[in-house]
Amino acid sequence: MPGKTSGRHPVWALIISRNNENPGMRSNRLAPPNLRFLFKHPAHFIACGMGSGLSPIAPGTAGTLFAWMLFPLIAPAFGDDHVLFALFLLVCFIYGVPACDRTGGDLGVIDHGAIVWDEIVPFWLVLFLAPSGLLWQLAAFLLFRLFDIFKPPPANWFDQKVKNGFGVMMDDLVAAGYTLLTLAVFKVLFV
């Protein structure tokens, strides 16, 4: 049938959505890229969360879950050296800026839903600084997703005004800050 895209978005729709994107809204409704795109460039592999962002349903949540599952494998490599782990996160953030920028440019939407490195690195920071224990981690996960979705200020400013890899990474870093602040308040009030 003419006009039907069978769930796939034609290239022109990606171009139009990049130029006329609704400010404050992520383009999660676009179809995720395929495996060929994922392996086409190292930036794609990183920005798409090593494939976790290819989830057709809630890729940001899938990327955050991936970060949560990967954290117990990564953190022990740094032992008790918190400075080294913080430097690792800084390097991941800095590399994430051009990786997300390149991948968003190649996808035609700077903050495409498949780009989840911006969820992964800030959530590692949250897990690194949050109180230990599964319930705290679950609360951190839920709060981080909430703040990432609703984007309170200044996350919404980065999301709406800074249309590059830095803006993509920063709005989730702000969500991580809100998450850590909320966890700290919960700890003071309830523990």
N, C-alpha and C. Protein backbone atom coordinates (compact mmCIF):
# COMPACT_ATOMS: atom_id res chain seq x y z
N MET A 1 0.84 -1.19 0.00
CA MET A 1 0.00 0.00 0.00
C MET A 1 0.87 1.24 0.00
N PRO A 2 0.50 2.24 -0.75
CA PRO A 2 1.28 3.47 -0.75
C PRO A 2 1.20 4.15 0.61
N GLY A 3 2.32 4.67 1.03
CA GLY A 3 2.36 5.40 2.30
C GLY A 3 2.65 4.54 3.51
N LYS A 4 2.50 3.23 3.37
CA LYS A 4 2.78 2.35 4.51
C LYS A 4 4.28 2.11 4.59
N THR A 5 4.80 2.11 5.83
CA THR A 5 6.24 1.89 6.01
C THR A 5 6.51 0.63 6.80
N SER A 6 5.48 -0.11 7.14
CA SER A 6 5.59 -1.37 7.89
C SER A 6 6.52 -1.25 9.10
N GLY A 7 6.35 -0.15 9.86
CA GLY A 7 7.12 0.01 11.09
C GLY A 7 8.49 0.61 10.91
N ARG A 8 8.98 0.72 9.69
CA ARG A 8 10.29 1.32 9.42
C ARG A 8 10.10 2.76 8.97
N HIS A 9 11.01 3.59 9.35
CA HIS A 9 10.94 4.99 8.96
C HIS A 9 11.86 5.23 7.77
N PRO A 10 11.32 5.82 6.70
CA PRO A 10 12.19 6.12 5.55
C PRO A 10 13.20 7.18 5.92
N VAL A 11 14.24 7.26 5.13
CA VAL A 11 15.33 8.21 5.40
C VAL A 11 14.79 9.63 5.50
N TRP A 12 13.85 10.00 4.63
CA TRP A 12 13.34 11.37 4.66
C TRP A 12 12.67 11.68 5.99
N ALA A 13 12.04 10.68 6.63
CA ALA A 13 11.41 10.91 7.92
C ALA A 13 12.46 11.18 8.99
N LEU A 14 13.61 10.51 8.90
CA LEU A 14 14.68 10.77 9.85
C LEU A 14 15.23 12.18 9.68
N ILE A 15 15.36 12.61 8.42
CA ILE A 15 15.88 13.96 8.16
C ILE A 15 14.90 15.00 8.67
N ILE A 16 13.62 14.81 8.39
CA ILE A 16 12.61 15.76 8.86
C ILE A 16 12.58 15.79 10.38
N SER A 17 12.64 14.63 11.03
CA SER A 17 12.57 14.61 12.49
C SER A 17 13.79 15.27 13.11
N ARG A 18 14.96 15.20 12.44
CA ARG A 18 16.13 15.87 13.00
C ARG A 18 15.99 17.38 12.91
N ASN A 19 15.46 17.85 11.80
CA ASN A 19 15.35 19.29 11.60
C ASN A 19 14.16 19.89 12.32
N ASN A 20 13.13 19.10 12.59
CA ASN A 20 11.92 19.63 13.23
C ASN A 20 11.58 18.84 14.49
N GLU A 21 12.57 18.36 15.16
CA GLU A 21 12.35 17.56 16.36
C GLU A 21 11.64 18.38 17.42
N ASN A 22 10.70 17.78 18.08
CA ASN A 22 9.99 18.45 19.16
C ASN A 22 10.93 18.62 20.33
N PRO A 23 11.26 19.86 20.73
CA PRO A 23 12.21 20.06 21.82
C PRO A 23 11.73 19.36 23.09
N GLY A 24 12.66 18.73 23.76
CA GLY A 24 12.35 18.05 25.01
C GLY A 24 11.91 16.62 24.83
N MET A 25 11.66 16.20 23.62
CA MET A 25 11.21 14.83 23.38
C MET A 25 12.33 14.05 22.72
N ARG A 26 12.64 12.89 23.28
CA ARG A 26 13.60 12.01 22.62
C ARG A 26 12.91 11.31 21.49
N SER A 27 13.67 10.89 20.53
CA SER A 27 13.09 10.24 19.36
C SER A 27 13.09 8.73 19.54
N ASN A 28 12.53 8.27 20.65
CA ASN A 28 12.49 6.84 20.93
C ASN A 28 11.51 6.10 20.04
N ARG A 29 10.63 6.81 19.34
CA ARG A 29 9.65 6.15 18.51
C ARG A 29 10.24 5.67 17.19
N LEU A 30 11.43 6.10 16.88
CA LEU A 30 12.07 5.65 15.65
C LEU A 30 12.55 4.21 15.82
N ALA A 31 12.52 3.51 14.72
CA ALA A 31 13.00 2.12 14.74
C ALA A 31 14.49 2.10 15.11
N PRO A 32 14.90 1.12 15.90
CA PRO A 32 16.33 1.04 16.24
C PRO A 32 17.15 0.66 15.02
N PRO A 33 18.42 1.07 15.02
CA PRO A 33 19.29 0.65 13.91
C PRO A 33 19.53 -0.86 13.98
N ASN A 34 20.11 -1.39 12.92
CA ASN A 34 20.37 -2.82 12.87
C ASN A 34 21.80 -3.14 13.32
N LEU A 35 22.12 -4.42 13.36
CA LEU A 35 23.46 -4.86 13.78
C LEU A 35 24.54 -4.35 12.85
N ARG A 36 24.23 -4.24 11.59
CA ARG A 36 25.22 -3.73 10.63
C ARG A 36 25.64 -2.31 11.01
N PHE A 37 24.66 -1.49 11.37
CA PHE A 37 24.97 -0.12 11.80
C PHE A 37 25.81 -0.16 13.08
N LEU A 38 25.46 -1.03 14.00
CA LEU A 38 26.15 -1.13 15.29
C LEU A 38 27.65 -1.36 15.09
N PHE A 39 28.00 -2.21 14.15
CA PHE A 39 29.41 -2.57 13.94
C PHE A 39 30.09 -1.77 12.83
N LYS A 40 29.37 -0.82 12.26
CA LYS A 40 29.94 -0.02 11.16
C LYS A 40 31.03 0.92 11.64
N HIS A 41 30.94 1.40 12.87
CA HIS A 41 31.93 2.34 13.41
C HIS A 41 32.03 2.11 14.92
N PRO A 42 33.24 2.19 15.49
CA PRO A 42 33.37 1.99 16.95
C PRO A 42 32.50 2.94 17.77
N ALA A 43 32.27 4.15 17.29
CA ALA A 43 31.41 5.10 18.01
C ALA A 43 29.99 4.58 18.11
N HIS A 44 29.51 3.91 17.06
CA HIS A 44 28.16 3.34 17.08
C HIS A 44 28.06 2.26 18.15
N PHE A 45 29.07 1.41 18.21
CA PHE A 45 29.07 0.31 19.17
C PHE A 45 29.02 0.84 20.61
N ILE A 46 29.81 1.87 20.88
CA ILE A 46 29.83 2.45 22.22
C ILE A 46 28.53 3.21 22.49
N ALA A 47 28.16 4.12 21.60
CA ALA A 47 26.98 4.96 21.83
C ALA A 47 25.70 4.13 21.96
N CYS A 48 25.62 3.04 21.23
CA CYS A 48 24.44 2.16 21.32
C CYS A 48 24.58 1.13 22.43
N GLY A 49 25.47 1.38 23.35
CA GLY A 49 25.60 0.53 24.54
C GLY A 49 25.94 -0.90 24.24
N MET A 50 26.85 -1.11 23.26
CA MET A 50 27.31 -2.44 22.88
C MET A 50 26.15 -3.32 22.43
N GLY A 51 25.11 -2.68 21.93
CA GLY A 51 23.94 -3.39 21.41
C GLY A 51 22.71 -3.26 22.29
N SER A 52 22.85 -2.85 23.53
CA SER A 52 21.69 -2.76 24.42
C SER A 52 20.69 -1.70 23.95
N GLY A 53 21.15 -0.71 23.23
CA GLY A 53 20.26 0.33 22.72
C GLY A 53 19.45 -0.10 21.51
N LEU A 54 19.71 -1.28 20.99
CA LEU A 54 18.96 -1.77 19.84
C LEU A 54 17.60 -2.35 20.23
N SER A 55 17.30 -2.36 21.52
CA SER A 55 16.01 -2.86 21.99
C SER A 55 14.88 -2.07 21.33
N PRO A 56 13.89 -2.77 20.75
CA PRO A 56 12.78 -2.04 20.12
C PRO A 56 11.82 -1.43 21.14
N ILE A 57 11.91 -1.88 22.38
CA ILE A 57 11.05 -1.37 23.45
C ILE A 57 11.92 -0.77 24.53
N ALA A 58 11.67 0.49 24.87
CA ALA A 58 12.34 1.20 25.96
C ALA A 58 13.86 1.03 25.93
N PRO A 59 14.52 1.50 24.87
CA PRO A 59 15.97 1.32 24.78
C PRO A 59 16.74 2.00 25.91
N GLY A 60 16.25 3.14 26.41
CA GLY A 60 16.93 3.80 27.53
C GLY A 60 16.90 2.95 28.78
N THR A 61 15.78 2.30 29.01
CA THR A 61 15.67 1.39 30.15
C THR A 61 16.55 0.17 29.94
N ALA A 62 16.59 -0.34 28.71
CA ALA A 62 17.45 -1.48 28.40
C ALA A 62 18.92 -1.12 28.62
N GLY A 63 19.31 0.08 28.20
CA GLY A 63 20.69 0.53 28.40
C GLY A 63 21.02 0.69 29.87
N THR A 64 20.08 1.19 30.65
CA THR A 64 20.31 1.35 32.09
C THR A 64 20.41 -0.01 32.77
N LEU A 65 19.56 -0.96 32.37
CA LEU A 65 19.66 -2.32 32.90
C LEU A 65 21.00 -2.96 32.54
N PHE A 66 21.45 -2.71 31.31
CA PHE A 66 22.75 -3.21 30.87
C PHE A 66 23.86 -2.64 31.75
N ALA A 67 23.78 -1.34 32.04
CA ALA A 67 24.77 -0.70 32.92
C ALA A 67 24.76 -1.35 34.30
N TRP A 68 23.58 -1.63 34.81
CA TRP A 68 23.43 -2.25 36.13
C TRP A 68 24.04 -3.65 36.13
N MET A 69 23.80 -4.41 35.07
CA MET A 69 24.35 -5.77 34.99
C MET A 69 25.87 -5.75 34.82
N LEU A 70 26.39 -4.75 34.12
CA LEU A 70 27.82 -4.67 33.85
C LEU A 70 28.62 -4.13 35.04
N PHE A 71 27.97 -3.31 35.87
CA PHE A 71 28.66 -2.66 36.98
C PHE A 71 29.38 -3.64 37.91
N PRO A 72 28.77 -4.75 38.34
CA PRO A 72 29.49 -5.68 39.22
C PRO A 72 30.70 -6.34 38.56
N LEU A 73 30.76 -6.32 37.24
CA LEU A 73 31.90 -6.88 36.53
C LEU A 73 33.02 -5.85 36.38
N ILE A 74 32.65 -4.57 36.31
CA ILE A 74 33.63 -3.51 36.10
C ILE A 74 34.23 -3.01 37.41
N ALA A 75 33.38 -2.73 38.38
CA ALA A 75 33.82 -2.09 39.63
C ALA A 75 34.92 -2.85 40.36
N PRO A 76 34.86 -4.18 40.47
CA PRO A 76 35.93 -4.90 41.18
C PRO A 76 37.31 -4.73 40.55
N ALA A 77 37.36 -4.43 39.27
CA ALA A 77 38.66 -4.25 38.60
C ALA A 77 39.42 -3.07 39.19
N PHE A 78 38.70 -2.14 39.83
CA PHE A 78 39.33 -0.96 40.41
C PHE A 78 39.57 -1.10 41.90
N GLY A 79 39.09 -2.21 42.48
CA GLY A 79 39.30 -2.44 43.91
C GLY A 79 38.76 -1.29 44.73
N ASP A 80 39.56 -0.84 45.68
CA ASP A 80 39.16 0.27 46.54
C ASP A 80 39.69 1.61 46.04
N ASP A 81 40.22 1.64 44.84
CA ASP A 81 40.77 2.87 44.29
C ASP A 81 39.65 3.71 43.66
N HIS A 82 38.99 4.51 44.50
CA HIS A 82 37.85 5.30 44.05
C HIS A 82 38.27 6.39 43.06
N VAL A 83 39.47 6.90 43.22
CA VAL A 83 39.96 7.94 42.31
C VAL A 83 40.12 7.35 40.91
N LEU A 84 40.68 6.15 40.82
CA LEU A 84 40.86 5.51 39.52
C LEU A 84 39.51 5.22 38.86
N PHE A 85 38.53 4.78 39.66
CA PHE A 85 37.21 4.52 39.09
C PHE A 85 36.57 5.82 38.61
N ALA A 86 36.73 6.89 39.37
CA ALA A 86 36.21 8.20 38.96
C ALA A 86 36.87 8.65 37.66
N LEU A 87 38.16 8.42 37.52
CA LEU A 87 38.86 8.76 36.28
C LEU A 87 38.35 7.92 35.11
N PHE A 88 38.08 6.65 35.38
CA PHE A 88 37.49 5.77 34.37
C PHE A 88 36.16 6.34 33.88
N LEU A 89 35.31 6.76 34.82
CA LEU A 89 34.02 7.34 34.46
C LEU A 89 34.19 8.63 33.66
N LEU A 90 35.16 9.43 34.05
CA LEU A 90 35.43 10.68 33.33
C LEU A 90 35.85 10.39 31.89
N VAL A 91 36.72 9.41 31.71
CA VAL A 91 37.15 9.03 30.35
C VAL A 91 35.97 8.51 29.54
N CYS A 92 35.13 7.69 30.17
CA CYS A 92 33.94 7.18 29.49
C CYS A 92 33.01 8.32 29.08
N PHE A 93 32.85 9.30 29.95
CA PHE A 93 32.00 10.45 29.64
C PHE A 93 32.60 11.25 28.48
N ILE A 94 33.88 11.54 28.59
CA ILE A 94 34.55 12.35 27.55
C ILE A 94 34.50 11.64 26.20
N TYR A 95 34.77 10.33 26.17
CA TYR A 95 34.68 9.60 24.91
C TYR A 95 33.23 9.53 24.43
N GLY A 96 32.29 9.50 25.36
CA GLY A 96 30.88 9.43 24.99
C GLY A 96 30.38 10.63 24.22
N VAL A 97 30.96 11.79 24.47
CA VAL A 97 30.51 13.01 23.78
C VAL A 97 30.68 12.86 22.27
N PRO A 98 31.88 12.61 21.74
CA PRO A 98 31.98 12.46 20.28
C PRO A 98 31.32 11.18 19.76
N ALA A 99 31.29 10.12 20.56
CA ALA A 99 30.64 8.88 20.11
C ALA A 99 29.15 9.09 19.92
N CYS A 100 28.51 9.76 20.88
CA CYS A 100 27.08 10.04 20.76
C CYS A 100 26.81 11.04 19.63
N ASP A 101 27.69 12.02 19.50
CA ASP A 101 27.52 13.01 18.44
C ASP A 101 27.62 12.36 17.07
N ARG A 102 28.62 11.53 16.87
CA ARG A 102 28.82 10.84 15.58
C ARG A 102 27.64 9.91 15.29
N THR A 103 27.24 9.14 16.29
CA THR A 103 26.16 8.17 16.09
C THR A 103 24.84 8.88 15.82
N GLY A 104 24.55 9.94 16.59
CA GLY A 104 23.34 10.70 16.34
C GLY A 104 23.33 11.32 14.96
N GLY A 105 24.48 11.85 14.54
CA GLY A 105 24.58 12.40 13.19
C GLY A 105 24.35 11.35 12.13
N ASP A 106 24.92 10.16 12.33
CA ASP A 106 24.76 9.09 11.35
C ASP A 106 23.32 8.55 11.32
N LEU A 107 22.64 8.62 12.47
CA LEU A 107 21.24 8.17 12.53
C LEU A 107 20.27 9.25 12.07
N GLY A 108 20.75 10.50 12.01
CA GLY A 108 19.90 11.59 11.58
C GLY A 108 19.12 12.24 12.71
N VAL A 109 19.32 11.77 13.93
CA VAL A 109 18.65 12.33 15.11
C VAL A 109 19.69 12.35 16.22
N ILE A 110 20.04 13.53 16.69
CA ILE A 110 21.17 13.66 17.62
C ILE A 110 20.97 12.87 18.91
N ASP A 111 19.75 12.75 19.40
CA ASP A 111 19.51 11.98 20.62
C ASP A 111 18.54 10.84 20.33
N HIS A 112 18.90 10.05 19.34
CA HIS A 112 18.10 8.88 18.96
C HIS A 112 17.98 7.95 20.16
N GLY A 113 16.85 7.31 20.29
CA GLY A 113 16.61 6.40 21.42
C GLY A 113 17.62 5.28 21.54
N ALA A 114 18.21 4.85 20.42
CA ALA A 114 19.19 3.76 20.46
C ALA A 114 20.50 4.18 21.11
N ILE A 115 20.73 5.48 21.23
CA ILE A 115 21.95 5.98 21.89
C ILE A 115 21.73 5.88 23.39
N VAL A 116 22.44 4.96 24.03
CA VAL A 116 22.23 4.72 25.46
C VAL A 116 23.50 4.86 26.30
N TRP A 117 24.62 5.20 25.66
CA TRP A 117 25.85 5.43 26.43
C TRP A 117 25.62 6.55 27.44
N ASP A 118 24.73 7.48 27.08
CA ASP A 118 24.39 8.58 27.97
C ASP A 118 23.62 8.11 29.20
N GLU A 119 22.99 6.95 29.14
CA GLU A 119 22.39 6.34 30.33
C GLU A 119 23.41 5.51 31.09
N ILE A 120 24.25 4.80 30.38
CA ILE A 120 25.17 3.84 30.99
C ILE A 120 26.17 4.53 31.91
N VAL A 121 26.90 5.51 31.41
CA VAL A 121 27.96 6.13 32.21
C VAL A 121 27.41 6.85 33.44
N PRO A 122 26.37 7.69 33.31
CA PRO A 122 25.83 8.32 34.52
C PRO A 122 25.26 7.31 35.52
N PHE A 123 24.68 6.21 35.02
CA PHE A 123 24.15 5.23 35.97
C PHE A 123 25.28 4.50 36.69
N TRP A 124 26.40 4.28 36.02
CA TRP A 124 27.56 3.73 36.74
C TRP A 124 27.98 4.67 37.85
N LEU A 125 27.94 5.97 37.60
CA LEU A 125 28.26 6.95 38.64
C LEU A 125 27.28 6.83 39.81
N VAL A 126 26.00 6.69 39.50
CA VAL A 126 24.99 6.52 40.55
C VAL A 126 25.28 5.28 41.38
N LEU A 127 25.54 4.16 40.72
CA LEU A 127 25.81 2.91 41.45
C LEU A 127 27.10 3.02 42.27
N PHE A 128 28.06 3.74 41.75
CA PHE A 128 29.34 3.94 42.44
C PHE A 128 29.15 4.73 43.74
N LEU A 129 28.26 5.72 43.72
CA LEU A 129 28.09 6.60 44.88
C LEU A 129 26.89 6.25 45.77
N ALA A 130 26.00 5.42 45.28
CA ALA A 130 24.80 5.07 46.05
C ALA A 130 25.14 4.13 47.20
N PRO A 131 24.29 4.13 48.22
CA PRO A 131 24.50 3.15 49.30
C PRO A 131 24.45 1.73 48.73
N SER A 132 25.20 0.82 49.34
CA SER A 132 25.24 -0.55 48.82
C SER A 132 23.97 -1.30 49.21
N GLY A 133 23.66 -2.30 48.44
CA GLY A 133 22.49 -3.13 48.70
C GLY A 133 21.54 -3.11 47.52
N LEU A 134 20.88 -4.24 47.32
CA LEU A 134 19.99 -4.41 46.18
C LEU A 134 18.82 -3.43 46.20
N LEU A 135 18.23 -3.17 47.36
CA LEU A 135 17.10 -2.25 47.43
C LEU A 135 17.52 -0.82 47.07
N TRP A 136 18.71 -0.41 47.51
CA TRP A 136 19.22 0.92 47.14
C TRP A 136 19.47 0.99 45.64
N GLN A 137 20.00 -0.09 45.08
CA GLN A 137 20.25 -0.10 43.63
C GLN A 137 18.94 -0.07 42.84
N LEU A 138 17.93 -0.80 43.34
CA LEU A 138 16.63 -0.78 42.67
C LEU A 138 16.02 0.62 42.74
N ALA A 139 16.10 1.24 43.92
CA ALA A 139 15.61 2.62 44.05
C ALA A 139 16.38 3.55 43.12
N ALA A 140 17.69 3.36 43.03
CA ALA A 140 18.52 4.19 42.15
C ALA A 140 18.08 4.01 40.70
N PHE A 141 17.84 2.77 40.29
CA PHE A 141 17.40 2.48 38.93
C PHE A 141 16.08 3.20 38.62
N LEU A 142 15.10 3.04 39.51
CA LEU A 142 13.79 3.64 39.28
C LEU A 142 13.85 5.17 39.27
N LEU A 143 14.59 5.73 40.21
CA LEU A 143 14.73 7.19 40.26
C LEU A 143 15.46 7.73 39.04
N PHE A 144 16.54 7.05 38.65
CA PHE A 144 17.30 7.50 37.48
C PHE A 144 16.43 7.49 36.23
N ARG A 145 15.67 6.43 36.03
CA ARG A 145 14.79 6.38 34.85
C ARG A 145 13.75 7.48 34.91
N LEU A 146 13.19 7.73 36.10
CA LEU A 146 12.19 8.79 36.27
C LEU A 146 12.77 10.15 35.91
N PHE A 147 13.94 10.48 36.47
CA PHE A 147 14.56 11.77 36.19
C PHE A 147 15.03 11.87 34.74
N ASP A 148 15.45 10.76 34.16
CA ASP A 148 15.88 10.78 32.76
C ASP A 148 14.69 11.03 31.84
N ILE A 149 13.56 10.46 32.16
CA ILE A 149 12.37 10.61 31.31
C ILE A 149 11.78 12.02 31.45
N PHE A 150 11.65 12.50 32.68
CA PHE A 150 10.98 13.79 32.90
C PHE A 150 11.91 15.00 32.78
N LYS A 151 13.19 14.78 32.84
CA LYS A 151 14.21 15.82 32.61
C LYS A 151 13.94 17.14 33.34
N PRO A 152 14.08 17.13 34.67
CA PRO A 152 13.93 18.39 35.41
C PRO A 152 15.10 19.34 35.08
N PRO A 153 14.91 20.65 35.30
CA PRO A 153 15.98 21.61 35.00
C PRO A 153 17.25 21.28 35.78
N PRO A 154 18.41 21.45 35.24
CA PRO A 154 18.72 21.94 33.90
C PRO A 154 18.82 20.83 32.85
N ALA A 155 18.40 19.61 33.17
CA ALA A 155 18.47 18.52 32.18
C ALA A 155 17.65 18.88 30.94
N ASN A 156 16.48 19.47 31.15
CA ASN A 156 15.65 19.83 30.00
C ASN A 156 16.33 20.88 29.12
N TRP A 157 17.10 21.78 29.73
CA TRP A 157 17.82 22.78 28.95
C TRP A 157 18.86 22.11 28.04
N PHE A 158 19.64 21.18 28.61
CA PHE A 158 20.62 20.46 27.80
C PHE A 158 19.93 19.68 26.68
N ASP A 159 18.80 19.06 27.01
CA ASP A 159 18.07 18.26 26.04
C ASP A 159 17.51 19.12 24.91
N GLN A 160 17.02 20.30 25.24
CA GLN A 160 16.36 21.15 24.25
C GLN A 160 17.31 22.08 23.50
N LYS A 161 18.35 22.54 24.16
CA LYS A 161 19.19 23.60 23.59
C LYS A 161 20.56 23.15 23.10
N VAL A 162 21.10 22.10 23.67
CA VAL A 162 22.46 21.68 23.33
C VAL A 162 22.35 20.42 22.46
N LYS A 163 22.19 20.63 21.17
CA LYS A 163 21.94 19.55 20.22
C LYS A 163 23.24 18.99 19.66
N ASN A 164 24.00 18.36 20.56
CA ASN A 164 25.23 17.68 20.16
C ASN A 164 25.53 16.60 21.19
N GLY A 165 26.63 15.92 21.05
CA GLY A 165 26.97 14.83 21.97
C GLY A 165 27.10 15.27 23.41
N PHE A 166 27.58 16.50 23.62
CA PHE A 166 27.70 17.01 24.99
C PHE A 166 26.32 17.15 25.64
N GLY A 167 25.37 17.68 24.91
CA GLY A 167 24.01 17.81 25.44
C GLY A 167 23.37 16.46 25.73
N VAL A 168 23.63 15.50 24.83
CA VAL A 168 23.11 14.14 25.01
C VAL A 168 23.63 13.55 26.32
N MET A 169 24.93 13.70 26.56
CA MET A 169 25.54 13.13 27.77
C MET A 169 25.13 13.92 29.02
N MET A 170 25.04 15.24 28.91
CA MET A 170 24.81 16.07 30.09
C MET A 170 23.41 15.91 30.68
N ASP A 171 22.39 15.76 29.85
CA ASP A 171 21.05 15.67 30.44
C ASP A 171 20.92 14.44 31.33
N ASP A 172 21.62 13.37 30.98
CA ASP A 172 21.59 12.17 31.83
C ASP A 172 22.50 12.31 33.05
N LEU A 173 23.56 13.08 32.93
CA LEU A 173 24.40 13.36 34.09
C LEU A 173 23.61 14.16 35.12
N VAL A 174 22.79 15.09 34.66
CA VAL A 174 21.92 15.84 35.57
C VAL A 174 20.92 14.90 36.23
N ALA A 175 20.34 13.97 35.46
CA ALA A 175 19.42 12.97 36.03
C ALA A 175 20.13 12.15 37.10
N ALA A 176 21.39 11.83 36.88
CA ALA A 176 22.17 11.11 37.89
C ALA A 176 22.33 11.95 39.15
N GLY A 177 22.57 13.25 38.99
CA GLY A 177 22.68 14.13 40.14
C GLY A 177 21.40 14.18 40.95
N TYR A 178 20.26 14.31 40.29
CA TYR A 178 18.97 14.28 40.98
C TYR A 178 18.76 12.94 41.69
N THR A 179 19.15 11.87 41.04
CA THR A 179 19.00 10.54 41.64
C THR A 179 19.81 10.44 42.93
N LEU A 180 21.07 10.87 42.87
CA LEU A 180 21.94 10.80 44.05
C LEU A 180 21.43 11.71 45.17
N LEU A 181 20.94 12.88 44.83
CA LEU A 181 20.39 13.79 45.83
C LEU A 181 19.17 13.17 46.51
N THR A 182 18.29 12.58 45.72
CA THR A 182 17.09 11.94 46.27
C THR A 182 17.46 10.75 47.16
N LEU A 183 18.41 9.94 46.73
CA LEU A 183 18.87 8.82 47.55
C LEU A 183 19.45 9.30 48.87
N ALA A 184 20.22 10.39 48.83
CA ALA A 184 20.80 10.94 50.05
C ALA A 184 19.71 11.40 51.02
N VAL A 185 18.68 12.05 50.49
CA VAL A 185 17.55 12.49 51.33
C VAL A 185 16.85 11.28 51.92
N PHE A 186 16.58 10.27 51.12
CA PHE A 186 15.94 9.04 51.61
C PHE A 186 16.77 8.41 52.73
N LYS A 187 18.07 8.38 52.54
CA LYS A 187 18.95 7.77 53.54
C LYS A 187 18.88 8.55 54.86
N VAL A 188 18.88 9.86 54.79
CA VAL A 188 18.82 10.68 56.01
C VAL A 188 17.48 10.53 56.70
N LEU A 189 16.40 10.50 55.91
CA LEU A 189 15.05 10.45 56.50
C LEU A 189 14.61 9.08 56.97
N PHE A 190 15.04 8.03 56.28
CA PHE A 190 14.49 6.71 56.54
C PHE A 190 15.47 5.67 57.08
N VAL A 191 16.74 6.00 57.17
CA VAL A 191 17.70 5.00 57.65
C VAL A 191 18.32 5.44 58.94
